[in-house]
Protein backbone atom coordinates (compact mmCIF):
# COMPACT_ATOMS: atom_id res chain seq x y z
CA UNK A 1 64.69 70.81 16.06
CA UNK A 2 66.03 74.13 17.19
CA UNK A 3 68.84 75.14 19.48
CA UNK A 4 67.84 76.23 22.99
CA UNK A 5 69.25 79.64 23.92
CA UNK A 6 68.30 81.27 27.21
CA UNK A 7 69.39 84.18 29.35
CA UNK A 8 67.85 85.28 32.63
CA UNK A 9 67.21 88.67 34.19
CA UNK A 10 66.77 88.09 37.92
CA UNK A 11 65.29 90.75 40.19
CA UNK A 12 66.21 90.37 43.84
CA UNK A 13 64.60 92.67 46.46
CA UNK A 14 67.31 93.74 48.89
CA UNK A 15 66.76 93.35 52.61
CA UNK A 16 66.78 97.01 53.66
CA UNK A 17 64.69 98.94 56.15
CA UNK A 18 63.93 101.78 53.76
CA UNK A 19 63.47 102.30 50.03
CA UNK A 20 66.24 102.94 47.51
CA UNK A 21 65.86 106.72 47.20
CA UNK A 22 63.73 107.80 50.17
CA UNK A 23 63.20 107.02 53.86
CA UNK A 24 59.82 105.31 53.43
CA UNK A 25 59.79 101.95 55.23
CA UNK A 26 59.52 98.67 53.37
CA UNK A 27 56.35 97.17 54.81
CA UNK A 28 54.21 94.09 54.35
CA UNK A 29 50.95 93.99 52.40
CA UNK A 30 48.84 93.74 55.55
CA UNK A 31 49.74 97.33 56.45
CA UNK A 32 47.30 98.55 53.82
CA UNK A 33 47.78 99.92 50.29
CA UNK A 34 49.61 103.21 49.73
CA UNK A 35 50.46 103.53 53.43
CA UNK A 36 54.24 103.83 52.94
CA UNK A 37 54.67 106.53 50.33
CA UNK A 38 56.12 110.02 50.09
CA UNK A 39 56.65 112.70 47.40
CA UNK A 40 59.87 110.97 46.25
CA UNK A 41 58.45 107.50 45.59
CA UNK A 42 55.28 109.06 44.16
CA UNK A 43 57.31 111.24 41.80
CA UNK A 44 55.93 114.57 43.00
CA UNK A 45 57.40 117.71 41.36
CA UNK A 46 60.37 119.10 43.25
CA UNK A 47 61.09 115.91 45.21
CA UNK A 48 64.73 114.78 45.24
CA UNK A 49 66.01 111.18 45.57
CA UNK A 50 68.82 110.29 48.00
CA UNK A 51 70.69 106.99 47.52
CA UNK A 52 70.43 104.29 50.22
CA UNK A 53 73.99 103.34 51.28
CA UNK A 54 72.98 99.96 52.73
CA UNK A 55 71.40 98.98 49.40
CA UNK A 56 74.66 99.80 47.61
CA UNK A 57 76.65 97.67 50.07
CA UNK A 58 74.23 94.75 49.64
CA UNK A 59 74.58 95.02 45.86
CA UNK A 60 78.40 95.10 46.12
CA UNK A 61 78.33 91.95 48.29
CA UNK A 62 76.19 90.15 45.74
CA UNK A 63 78.29 91.31 42.77
CA UNK A 64 81.50 90.20 44.46
CA UNK A 65 79.99 86.80 45.30
CA UNK A 66 79.13 86.44 41.59
CA UNK A 67 82.77 87.09 40.62
CA UNK A 68 82.03 90.51 39.11
CA UNK A 69 84.37 93.43 38.58
CA UNK A 70 83.09 96.38 40.64
CA UNK A 71 82.74 99.79 39.00
CA UNK A 72 84.34 102.43 41.21
CA UNK A 73 81.99 105.20 40.07
CA UNK A 74 78.34 104.34 39.47
CA UNK A 75 75.74 106.43 37.70
CA UNK A 76 71.94 106.18 37.70
CA UNK A 77 69.72 106.72 34.67
CA UNK A 78 66.04 107.24 33.98
CA UNK A 79 64.34 104.42 32.11
CA UNK A 80 61.38 106.20 30.56
CA UNK A 81 58.10 104.37 29.99
CA UNK A 82 54.47 105.16 30.71
CA UNK A 83 52.60 102.66 32.86
CA UNK A 84 50.22 103.02 35.86
CA UNK A 85 52.69 101.46 38.31
CA UNK A 86 55.25 104.25 37.64
CA UNK A 87 53.90 107.45 39.15
CA UNK A 88 56.72 109.60 37.72
CA UNK A 89 56.70 107.88 34.29
CA UNK A 90 60.29 106.70 34.58
CA UNK A 91 62.19 104.15 36.62
CA UNK A 92 65.53 105.00 38.19
CA UNK A 93 67.97 102.28 37.17
CA UNK A 94 71.54 101.81 35.95
CA UNK A 95 72.29 101.58 32.27
CA UNK A 96 75.69 102.74 30.97
CA UNK A 97 77.57 102.15 34.23
CA UNK A 98 76.25 99.17 36.25
CA UNK A 99 77.70 98.40 39.65
CA UNK A 100 79.14 95.03 38.63
CA UNK A 101 80.26 93.54 35.31
CA UNK A 102 81.66 90.34 33.80
CA UNK A 103 80.95 87.81 36.54
CA UNK A 104 79.97 84.16 36.34
CA UNK A 105 78.27 81.24 38.11
CA UNK A 106 79.96 77.87 37.60
CA UNK A 107 77.70 74.86 37.16
CA UNK A 108 78.49 71.34 38.32
CA UNK A 109 79.61 70.40 34.81
CA UNK A 110 82.30 73.08 34.96
CA UNK A 111 80.41 75.31 32.52
CA UNK A 112 80.43 78.98 33.47
CA UNK A 113 77.25 80.96 32.88
CA UNK A 114 78.50 84.51 32.39
CA UNK A 115 76.98 87.41 34.31
CA UNK A 116 76.79 90.44 32.05
CA UNK A 117 75.87 92.96 34.74
CA UNK A 118 74.63 93.41 38.29
CA UNK A 119 72.91 96.72 38.87
CA UNK A 120 70.61 98.59 41.25
CA UNK A 121 67.15 99.89 40.41
CA UNK A 122 63.88 100.78 42.09
CA UNK A 123 60.84 98.52 42.01
CA UNK A 124 57.66 99.91 40.42
CA UNK A 125 54.34 99.85 42.26
CA UNK A 126 51.98 96.88 42.22
CA UNK A 127 48.95 96.53 39.96
CA UNK A 128 45.99 94.84 41.66
CA UNK A 129 43.59 93.11 39.26
CA UNK A 130 40.32 92.73 41.17
CA UNK A 131 38.73 89.43 40.13
CA UNK A 132 41.83 88.16 38.31
CA UNK A 133 44.18 89.40 35.59
CA UNK A 134 41.99 88.32 32.66
CA UNK A 135 38.53 89.12 34.05
CA UNK A 136 39.05 92.32 36.01
CA UNK A 137 36.88 95.28 35.02
CA UNK A 138 39.35 97.71 36.57
CA UNK A 139 42.87 97.80 38.02
CA UNK A 140 44.04 99.30 41.32
CA UNK A 141 47.55 100.57 42.02
CA UNK A 142 49.42 100.17 45.30
CA UNK A 143 52.57 102.30 45.51
CA UNK A 144 53.90 100.75 48.73
CA UNK A 145 56.33 98.71 46.61
CA UNK A 146 57.37 101.69 44.50
CA UNK A 147 61.00 102.48 45.29
CA UNK A 148 61.89 99.18 47.00
CA UNK A 149 65.59 98.49 46.25
CA UNK A 150 66.15 95.79 43.66
CA UNK A 151 69.35 94.20 42.47
CA UNK A 152 69.08 92.95 38.90
CA UNK A 153 71.35 90.14 37.73
CA UNK A 154 71.57 89.78 33.95
CA UNK A 155 73.15 86.64 32.51
CA UNK A 156 74.50 86.15 29.03
CA UNK A 157 72.47 83.74 26.85
CA UNK A 158 74.65 80.82 27.97
CA UNK A 159 71.90 78.55 29.32
CA UNK A 160 71.23 75.68 26.92
CA UNK A 161 68.73 73.50 28.81
CA UNK A 162 65.97 73.69 31.40
CA UNK A 163 68.19 71.62 33.71
CA UNK A 164 70.96 74.24 33.50
CA UNK A 165 68.44 76.98 34.33
CA UNK A 166 67.29 74.99 37.36
CA UNK A 167 70.87 74.46 38.56
CA UNK A 168 71.75 78.12 38.04
CA UNK A 169 68.81 79.26 40.17
CA UNK A 170 69.68 76.73 42.87
CA UNK A 171 73.32 77.91 42.91
CA UNK A 172 72.22 81.55 43.11
CA UNK A 173 69.81 80.71 45.93
CA UNK A 174 72.63 79.07 47.86
CA UNK A 175 74.93 82.06 47.40
CA UNK A 176 72.22 84.53 48.42
CA UNK A 177 71.40 82.50 51.55
CA UNK A 178 74.94 83.17 52.85
CA UNK A 179 75.06 86.91 52.14
CA UNK A 180 72.28 88.33 54.35
CA UNK A 181 71.10 90.60 51.52
CA UNK A 182 67.72 88.96 50.89
CA UNK A 183 64.92 87.96 53.28
CA UNK A 184 63.55 84.66 51.97
CA UNK A 185 60.54 84.87 54.29
CA UNK A 186 59.37 88.29 53.07
CA UNK A 187 60.40 88.48 49.42
CA UNK A 188 60.63 86.46 46.22
CA UNK A 189 63.13 86.55 43.36
CA UNK A 190 61.43 87.28 40.04
CA UNK A 191 62.87 86.18 36.73
CA UNK A 192 62.46 87.52 33.23
CA UNK A 193 63.33 84.61 30.94
CA UNK A 194 64.67 85.34 27.45
CA UNK A 195 64.22 82.29 25.24
CA UNK A 196 64.84 81.54 21.60
CA UNK A 197 65.38 78.56 19.35
CA UNK A 198 67.16 78.48 16.02
CA UNK A 199 65.03 80.12 13.33
CA UNK A 200 63.03 82.36 15.68
CA UNK A 201 63.20 85.72 17.43
CA UNK A 202 63.91 86.12 21.14
CA UNK A 203 60.84 86.00 23.39
CA UNK A 204 60.84 87.43 26.92
CA UNK A 205 58.55 86.02 29.62
CA UNK A 206 58.15 88.58 32.41
CA UNK A 207 57.85 88.29 36.19
CA UNK A 208 58.14 84.55 36.73
CA UNK A 209 58.48 83.72 40.43
CA UNK A 210 60.18 80.59 41.77
CA UNK A 211 62.45 78.06 40.08
CA UNK A 212 59.53 75.68 39.48
CA UNK A 213 57.65 78.33 37.53
CA UNK A 214 60.79 79.24 35.58
CA UNK A 215 61.04 75.60 34.48
CA UNK A 216 57.35 75.56 33.53
CA UNK A 217 57.68 78.80 31.52
CA UNK A 218 60.75 77.52 29.66
CA UNK A 219 59.16 74.15 28.89
CA UNK A 220 55.97 75.78 27.63
CA UNK A 221 57.83 78.29 25.45
CA UNK A 222 60.02 75.58 23.93
CA UNK A 223 56.97 73.56 22.91
CA UNK A 224 55.09 76.64 21.67
CA UNK A 225 57.98 77.98 19.61
CA UNK A 226 58.82 74.58 18.09
CA UNK A 227 55.17 74.09 17.14
CA UNK A 228 55.11 77.49 15.39
CA UNK A 229 58.22 76.71 13.37
CA UNK A 230 57.00 73.25 12.46
CA UNK A 231 53.77 74.84 11.21
CA UNK A 232 55.68 77.27 9.03
CA UNK A 233 54.85 80.31 11.22
CA UNK A 234 57.23 83.00 12.41
CA UNK A 235 58.29 83.49 16.02
CA UNK A 236 58.01 87.23 16.60
CA UNK A 237 59.97 89.19 19.16
CA UNK A 238 57.55 89.93 21.97
CA UNK A 239 57.01 90.16 25.71
CA UNK A 240 54.79 87.51 27.29
CA UNK A 241 53.34 86.90 30.74
CA UNK A 242 53.19 83.65 32.70
CA UNK A 243 49.95 82.15 34.05
CA UNK A 244 50.92 80.05 37.06
CA UNK A 245 47.52 78.31 37.21
CA UNK A 246 47.84 76.87 33.70
CA UNK A 247 51.66 76.82 33.48
CA UNK A 248 51.37 78.67 30.17
CA UNK A 249 52.47 82.00 28.69
CA UNK A 250 50.37 84.68 26.99
CA UNK A 251 51.23 87.69 24.83
CA UNK A 252 51.54 91.06 26.55
CA UNK A 253 53.06 93.35 23.92
CA UNK A 254 55.54 93.51 21.10
CA UNK A 255 59.06 93.65 22.52
CA UNK A 256 60.57 97.08 23.00
CA UNK A 257 64.17 97.81 22.09
CA UNK A 258 66.43 99.53 24.60
CA UNK A 259 66.23 102.67 22.44
CA UNK A 260 62.48 102.78 23.12
CA UNK A 261 63.14 103.45 26.81
CA UNK A 262 65.04 106.67 26.12
CA UNK A 263 67.64 106.17 28.85
CA UNK A 264 69.04 109.47 30.13
CA UNK A 265 71.35 110.14 33.08
CA UNK A 266 69.36 111.13 36.17
CA UNK A 267 70.47 114.69 36.94
CA UNK A 268 69.03 114.52 40.47
CA UNK A 269 71.54 111.83 41.50
CA UNK A 270 75.23 112.67 41.44
CA UNK A 271 77.68 109.85 40.53
CA UNK A 272 78.56 107.69 43.54
CA UNK A 273 82.22 106.84 44.11
CA UNK A 274 83.06 103.53 45.75
CA UNK A 275 86.32 104.20 47.54
CA UNK A 276 89.06 101.61 47.89
CA UNK A 277 88.46 101.41 51.65
CA UNK A 278 84.71 101.00 51.25
CA UNK A 279 85.19 98.22 48.72
CA UNK A 280 87.79 96.46 50.88
CA UNK A 281 85.53 96.67 53.95
CA UNK A 282 82.74 94.97 52.00
CA UNK A 283 85.14 92.29 50.72
CA UNK A 284 86.34 91.63 54.26
CA UNK A 285 82.74 91.19 55.43
CA UNK A 286 81.96 88.44 52.93
CA UNK A 287 81.25 85.05 54.53
CA UNK A 288 82.61 81.70 53.43
CA UNK A 289 80.50 80.95 50.34
CA UNK A 290 79.06 77.54 49.31
CA UNK A 291 81.91 76.45 47.02
CA UNK A 292 84.56 77.43 49.55
CA UNK A 293 82.64 75.70 52.34
CA UNK A 294 82.22 72.51 50.29
CA UNK A 295 85.99 72.34 49.70
CA UNK A 296 86.63 72.79 53.43
CA UNK A 297 84.06 70.14 54.37
CA UNK A 298 85.67 67.64 52.01
CA UNK A 299 89.12 68.32 53.45
CA UNK A 300 88.29 68.81 57.13
CA UNK A 301 85.71 66.05 57.56
CA UNK A 302 86.70 63.65 54.79
CA UNK A 303 83.36 63.97 52.99
CA UNK A 304 82.76 62.94 49.41
CA UNK A 305 82.60 65.91 47.04
CA UNK A 306 78.92 65.27 46.30
CA UNK A 307 77.92 65.19 49.99
CA UNK A 308 80.02 68.26 50.76
CA UNK A 309 78.31 70.24 47.97
CA UNK A 310 74.81 69.15 48.97
CA UNK A 311 75.37 70.21 52.58
CA UNK A 312 77.21 73.46 51.79
CA UNK A 313 74.56 74.59 49.27
CA UNK A 314 72.25 75.63 52.12
CA UNK A 315 73.58 77.86 54.87
CA UNK A 316 71.22 76.50 57.54
CA UNK A 317 71.87 72.88 56.57
CA UNK A 318 75.62 73.52 56.68
CA UNK A 319 75.31 74.99 60.17
CA UNK A 320 73.32 71.98 61.39
CA UNK A 321 75.91 69.62 59.94
CA UNK A 322 78.86 71.41 61.56
CA UNK A 323 77.14 71.26 64.95
CA UNK A 324 76.45 67.53 64.61
CA UNK A 325 79.89 66.82 63.12
CA UNK A 326 81.41 67.58 66.52
CA UNK A 327 79.89 64.25 67.61
CA UNK A 328 80.67 62.21 64.49
CA UNK A 329 81.21 63.73 61.04
CA UNK A 330 80.45 60.63 58.97
CA UNK A 331 77.19 59.82 60.76
CA UNK A 332 76.22 63.50 60.65
CA UNK A 333 76.90 63.56 56.91
CA UNK A 334 74.68 60.52 56.30
CA UNK A 335 71.86 61.91 58.42
CA UNK A 336 71.98 65.44 56.96
CA UNK A 337 72.87 64.97 53.29
CA UNK A 338 70.86 61.82 52.62
CA UNK A 339 68.18 61.06 55.19
CA UNK A 340 67.12 64.60 56.13
CA UNK A 341 67.49 66.05 52.63
CA UNK A 342 65.46 63.15 51.23
CA UNK A 343 62.65 63.67 53.75
CA UNK A 344 62.47 67.39 53.04
CA UNK A 345 62.50 66.82 49.28
CA UNK A 346 59.83 64.10 49.41
CA UNK A 347 57.51 66.34 51.44
CA UNK A 348 58.34 69.52 49.42
CA UNK A 349 59.27 71.11 52.74
CA UNK A 350 61.83 73.91 53.04
CA UNK A 351 64.27 73.51 55.92
CA UNK A 352 63.42 77.05 57.06
CA UNK A 353 59.82 75.90 57.58
CA UNK A 354 60.77 73.29 60.20
CA UNK A 355 61.96 73.33 63.82
CA UNK A 356 65.07 71.33 62.97
CA UNK A 357 68.27 72.62 64.58
CA UNK A 358 71.84 71.51 65.17
CA UNK A 359 71.23 70.46 68.77
CA UNK A 360 68.46 68.03 67.81
CA UNK A 361 70.46 66.44 64.98
CA UNK A 362 73.60 66.22 67.15
CA UNK A 363 71.56 64.34 69.78
CA UNK A 364 70.38 61.84 67.18
CA UNK A 365 73.93 61.39 65.86
CA UNK A 366 75.11 60.62 69.40
CA UNK A 367 72.40 57.98 69.85
CA UNK A 368 73.47 56.33 66.58
CA UNK A 369 77.14 56.50 67.49
CA UNK A 370 76.50 54.84 70.87
CA UNK A 371 74.33 52.15 69.27
CA UNK A 372 71.24 53.24 71.19
CA UNK A 373 68.92 53.53 68.19
CA UNK A 374 68.44 51.51 65.00
CA UNK A 375 68.74 53.13 61.59
CA UNK A 376 65.04 52.46 60.97
CA UNK A 377 63.91 54.19 64.14
CA UNK A 378 66.39 57.03 63.61
CA UNK A 379 64.78 57.71 60.23
CA UNK A 380 61.30 57.58 61.77
CA UNK A 381 62.39 60.16 64.35
CA UNK A 382 63.74 62.41 61.58
CA UNK A 383 60.39 62.28 59.79
CA UNK A 384 58.63 63.28 63.03
CA UNK A 385 61.19 66.05 63.56
CA UNK A 386 60.69 67.48 60.07
CA UNK A 387 56.90 67.24 59.94
CA UNK A 388 55.89 67.79 63.56
CA UNK A 389 58.89 69.39 65.24
CA UNK A 390 59.30 66.51 67.71
CA UNK A 391 62.92 66.47 68.94
CA UNK A 392 64.41 63.03 68.04
CA UNK A 393 65.79 62.08 71.47
CA UNK A 394 62.53 62.84 73.27
CA UNK A 395 60.40 61.17 70.62
CA UNK A 396 62.48 57.98 70.63
CA UNK A 397 62.47 57.81 74.42
CA UNK A 398 58.73 58.48 74.81
CA UNK A 399 57.85 56.01 72.02
CA UNK A 400 60.03 53.31 73.61
CA UNK A 401 62.17 53.01 70.48
CA UNK A 402 65.61 53.27 72.04
CA UNK A 403 67.76 50.15 72.16
CA UNK A 404 67.76 48.98 75.75
CA UNK A 405 67.57 45.20 75.40
CA UNK A 406 70.09 43.04 77.23
CA UNK A 407 72.20 40.46 75.42
CA UNK A 408 69.91 37.83 76.95
CA UNK A 409 66.85 39.39 75.32
CA UNK A 410 68.63 39.41 71.96
CA UNK A 411 69.77 35.80 72.35
CA UNK A 412 66.19 34.73 73.14
CA UNK A 413 64.86 36.54 70.08
CA UNK A 414 67.60 35.06 67.86
CA UNK A 415 66.88 31.49 69.04
CA UNK A 416 63.17 32.04 68.38
CA UNK A 417 63.91 33.25 64.85
CA UNK A 418 66.16 30.21 64.19
CA UNK A 419 63.50 27.83 65.49
CA UNK A 420 60.89 29.40 63.20
CA UNK A 421 63.22 29.54 60.17
CA UNK A 422 65.54 26.50 60.34
CA UNK A 423 66.15 26.40 56.57
CA UNK A 424 67.30 30.01 56.52
CA UNK A 425 69.66 29.35 59.43
CA UNK A 426 71.19 26.34 57.66
CA UNK A 427 71.71 28.46 54.55
CA UNK A 428 73.36 31.15 56.71
CA UNK A 429 75.67 28.51 58.20
CA UNK A 430 76.59 27.52 54.64
CA UNK A 431 77.67 31.12 53.94
CA UNK A 432 74.53 32.62 52.37
CA UNK A 433 74.61 36.37 53.20
CA UNK A 434 71.00 36.85 52.06
CA UNK A 435 69.85 34.37 54.70
CA UNK A 436 71.86 36.30 57.32
CA UNK A 437 70.09 39.54 56.38
CA UNK A 438 66.75 37.73 56.40
CA UNK A 439 67.29 36.43 59.95
CA UNK A 440 68.51 39.82 61.20
CA UNK A 441 65.34 41.39 59.75
CA UNK A 442 63.14 38.81 61.49
CA UNK A 443 64.79 39.52 64.86
CA UNK A 444 64.70 43.29 64.41
CA UNK A 445 60.99 43.25 63.56
CA UNK A 446 60.28 40.99 66.51
CA UNK A 447 62.09 43.40 68.86
CA UNK A 448 60.52 46.48 67.20
CA UNK A 449 63.88 48.05 66.46
CA UNK A 450 65.09 47.85 70.04
CA UNK A 451 68.07 45.73 69.06
CA UNK A 452 71.08 46.84 67.09
CA UNK A 453 71.65 44.88 63.84
CA UNK A 454 75.33 44.39 64.70
CA UNK A 455 74.41 42.84 68.07
CA UNK A 456 71.92 40.50 66.38
CA UNK A 457 74.57 39.40 63.87
CA UNK A 458 77.02 38.66 66.71
CA UNK A 459 74.45 36.39 68.40
CA UNK A 460 73.81 34.58 65.13
CA UNK A 461 77.55 34.13 64.63
CA UNK A 462 77.84 32.60 68.12
CA UNK A 463 75.17 30.02 67.30
CA UNK A 464 76.60 29.22 63.90
């Protein structure tokens, strides 16, 4: 029952040294609350905002990467609402004239999720609920975050499943990783999810961080809204919060309309003109983006489309692959897109949180190419590399896992396996491929991976 309709509002803190409208530094929480503030970000009377040029350039880069049309003259407005985290009782944002319009992100199915707008705005301060959001007797306010430059990406309600939302966020993450506009180690992307099903009003879930939490919020809201309709109740238009601990949403307030914010043009900020030269300079500075890189990988290295897209989706992974591809592109592809990606996924480990680099992977690819390590031991070395930072070549050498057996050693091990498994050998001689694989496995286990499977098969063929 019910059609799934979803649009996302994504808030991305831009990687700048100072805030959007003042020179206060963007600092970490450990520097202490309210230690990076000034009359501008505190909204003191008489203070005047000045636009951060680097923030504008970052926003242009992002809007271009999302296939947006860039407005040549941008205007800032005041979004008026009264809340403790807004010292001046309004937020400087863009309303009538956003920086970018009418973009899109294309999903793997070919469906294009339209981007309505990409615009700049300042972040409010942070509310600190001592003892937890639901049990706190009082709330503290830290204005260090007030004025941090945000880029908001607003999609059209084109998302029709949780899986599409997940893919969209993954695609956006890949694009952002190439642009150098967002510091993944210091900041998080927050999402406001707008969800509705047929027969109900739109519900917004605010400030959901991380793609996993976005999925949880969408799944919970779908179940909650369907249950209301099935019980004959109305779904009211409202704003809800997300409780990460319980993966559930809770009501915050009835949803405001845009008219409730009383948008007015900010008279303290003159319109900003983006000249043709400025825009062209930013375009020229754009890197090769994931889709372009995937096409090049498929053509240059002969990769399958799927492998090329998996590798190109992550800037660091793509760099590691290109370094290792100088040794052997096909082996590098197998190691990077399947073995390494699988290990990282299984252990819920981000690549950025490891010591893995192109040099280490290239060394492992060379060992495989020269037949000096078995596939089994190569995988074991990758696991050690990902989890403990042990460089594959050194680990394999120190653990005695490199292939260094002579042909005589292999022949001896093969004869021993035949003597112990005469029936399997006779079946192999009769053409049974399963018996061949069985005998190879016996020999490989006996030699603890120090023999190459191809060499073992050759010895078996000789004795056939």
